[in-house]
Amino acid sequence: MPKQQVDLDRVFQALADATRRDMVQRLVGAPASVSALARPYAMSLPAVMQHLQVLEECGLVRSEKTGRVRTCRIEPAALRLAESWLAARRTDWEKHLDRLGDHLAADSATPADAPTSSAVPDGPTGSGHGKRT
């Protein structure tokens, strides 16, 4: 498997957790210390550190320790990788939906009461499937 695919898989796996998504969202605004990131969660500091470790291992977050404070910041390259993959999928789906829209528009342009090749004639001169009086 190509390295870029492995990296992308790890990014999406990390973002699959709501707590980690929230941490990433908060770090997009500004770098923060681990204790500041941990504050809103009802979990232990070691549990928060495990979440941050997953984010660091996939490349979404980088941390550095200065004295007794560990500060985390977002790594834009990993976010760009996920964003470009999503943008390509969006483009593919938009093309598919445009083709579907064109197909539906062409179908609606055909009159509804026009006979089609699957219509069965009705009446005594037809195939005998209609009502006889």
Protein backbone atom coordinates (compact mmCIF):
# COMPACT_ATOMS: atom_id res chain seq x y z
CA MET A 1 0.00 0.00 0.00
CA PRO A 2 1.42 3.44 -0.89
CA LYS A 3 2.72 5.52 2.03
CA GLN A 4 0.32 8.38 1.26
CA GLN A 5 -2.63 5.95 1.50
CA VAL A 6 -1.38 4.66 4.86
CA ASP A 7 -1.01 8.23 6.12
CA LEU A 8 -4.49 9.10 4.93
CA ASP A 9 -5.94 5.99 6.58
CA ARG A 10 -4.29 6.94 9.87
CA VAL A 11 -5.59 10.52 9.63
CA PHE A 12 -9.18 9.38 9.07
CA GLN A 13 -8.86 6.73 11.77
CA ALA A 14 -7.70 9.42 14.22
CA LEU A 15 -10.52 11.74 13.17
CA ALA A 16 -13.10 8.97 13.66
CA ASP A 17 -13.14 9.78 17.37
CA ALA A 18 -15.28 12.76 18.44
CA THR A 19 -12.89 13.82 21.21
CA ARG A 20 -9.94 13.91 18.84
CA ARG A 21 -11.97 15.83 16.23
CA ASP A 22 -12.84 18.37 18.90
CA MET A 23 -9.18 18.67 19.93
CA VAL A 24 -8.16 19.24 16.31
CA GLN A 25 -10.87 21.86 15.89
CA ARG A 26 -9.69 23.69 18.99
CA LEU A 27 -6.05 23.53 17.87
CA VAL A 28 -6.93 24.97 14.46
CA GLY A 29 -7.78 28.18 16.33
CA ALA A 30 -4.55 28.35 18.32
CA PRO A 31 -1.90 26.17 19.95
CA ALA A 32 -2.81 24.98 23.46
CA SER A 33 -1.22 23.24 26.41
CA VAL A 34 -2.22 19.68 27.22
CA SER A 35 -3.90 20.83 30.44
CA ALA A 36 -5.92 23.45 28.52
CA LEU A 37 -6.95 20.82 25.96
CA ALA A 38 -7.93 18.42 28.76
CA ARG A 39 -10.04 20.93 30.70
CA PRO A 40 -13.45 20.42 28.99
CA TYR A 41 -13.33 16.61 29.06
CA ALA A 42 -14.45 14.35 31.87
CA MET A 43 -11.39 12.12 31.54
CA SER A 44 -8.02 11.71 33.17
CA LEU A 45 -4.92 13.52 31.91
CA PRO A 46 -3.37 10.18 30.82
CA ALA A 47 -6.48 9.49 28.69
CA VAL A 48 -6.13 12.91 27.06
CA MET A 49 -2.44 12.16 26.43
CA GLN A 50 -3.43 8.92 24.66
CA HIS A 51 -5.75 10.87 22.35
CA LEU A 52 -2.96 13.36 21.64
CA GLN A 53 -0.53 10.53 20.96
CA VAL A 54 -2.87 9.15 18.26
CA LEU A 55 -3.09 12.63 16.72
CA GLU A 56 0.69 13.01 16.80
CA GLU A 57 1.34 9.56 15.32
CA CYS A 58 -0.81 10.30 12.27
CA GLY A 59 0.79 13.72 11.82
CA LEU A 60 -2.20 15.93 12.64
CA VAL A 61 -0.67 17.41 15.79
CA ARG A 62 2.83 18.27 16.92
CA SER A 63 3.78 18.94 20.52
CA GLU A 64 6.80 20.42 22.22
CA LYS A 65 7.74 20.61 25.85
CA THR A 66 9.05 23.84 27.32
CA GLY A 67 9.83 23.45 31.00
CA ARG A 68 6.85 21.67 32.56
CA VAL A 69 4.37 22.68 29.86
CA ARG A 70 3.66 20.57 26.76
CA THR A 71 2.13 22.72 24.00
CA CYS A 72 0.28 21.18 21.04
CA ARG A 73 -0.24 22.73 17.63
CA ILE A 74 -1.91 21.60 14.44
CA GLU A 75 0.14 20.30 11.51
CA PRO A 76 -1.52 21.70 8.37
CA ALA A 77 0.09 19.18 5.95
CA ALA A 78 -1.91 16.23 7.31
CA LEU A 79 -5.13 18.25 7.18
CA ARG A 80 -4.35 19.24 3.58
CA LEU A 81 -3.87 15.58 2.65
CA ALA A 82 -7.35 14.70 3.98
CA GLU A 83 -8.86 17.82 2.46
CA SER A 84 -7.48 17.09 -1.01
CA TRP A 85 -8.77 13.51 -0.86
CA LEU A 86 -12.24 14.74 0.13
CA ALA A 87 -12.19 17.42 -2.58
CA ALA A 88 -11.42 14.79 -5.22
CA ARG A 89 -14.33 12.63 -4.01
CA ARG A 90 -16.60 15.68 -4.01
CA THR A 91 -15.64 16.42 -7.62
CA ASP A 92 -16.39 12.81 -8.62
CA TRP A 93 -19.79 12.89 -6.94
CA GLU A 94 -20.68 16.24 -8.47
CA LYS A 95 -19.94 14.82 -11.93
CA HIS A 96 -22.13 11.79 -11.19
CA LEU A 97 -24.95 13.98 -9.92
CA ASP A 98 -24.69 16.28 -12.94
CA ARG A 99 -25.03 13.27 -15.25
CA LEU A 100 -28.01 12.03 -13.23
CA GLY A 101 -29.59 15.49 -13.46
CA ASP A 102 -29.08 15.54 -17.23
CA HIS A 103 -30.64 12.08 -17.51
CA LEU A 104 -33.65 13.06 -15.39
CA ALA A 105 -34.10 16.27 -17.36
CA ALA A 106 -34.07 14.30 -20.62
CA ASP A 107 -36.66 11.88 -19.19
CA SER A 108 -38.93 14.71 -18.07
CA ALA A 109 -38.73 16.25 -21.55
CA THR A 110 -40.41 13.12 -22.98
CA PRO A 111 -44.23 13.52 -22.83
CA ALA A 112 -45.78 11.27 -20.20
CA ASP A 113 -48.68 10.16 -22.44
CA ALA A 114 -46.47 9.19 -25.38
CA PRO A 115 -46.59 5.43 -26.03
CA THR A 116 -43.42 3.55 -25.28
CA SER A 117 -42.21 0.29 -26.75
CA SER A 118 -43.36 -1.60 -23.65
CA ALA A 119 -47.00 -0.40 -23.93
CA VAL A 120 -49.54 -3.14 -24.61
CA PRO A 121 -52.35 -2.19 -27.03
CA ASP A 122 -55.82 -2.32 -25.54
CA GLY A 123 -59.04 -3.37 -27.21
CA PRO A 124 -60.35 -6.10 -29.53
CA THR A 125 -57.77 -5.45 -32.24
CA GLY A 126 -54.91 -5.57 -29.75
CA SER A 127 -53.21 -8.57 -28.27
CA GLY A 128 -56.28 -9.76 -26.41
CA HIS A 129 -55.11 -8.49 -23.05
CA GLY A 130 -57.54 -5.57 -22.95
CA LYS A 131 -61.23 -5.49 -21.97
CA ARG A 132 -63.76 -6.96 -24.37
CA THR A 133 -67.24 -5.61 -24.53
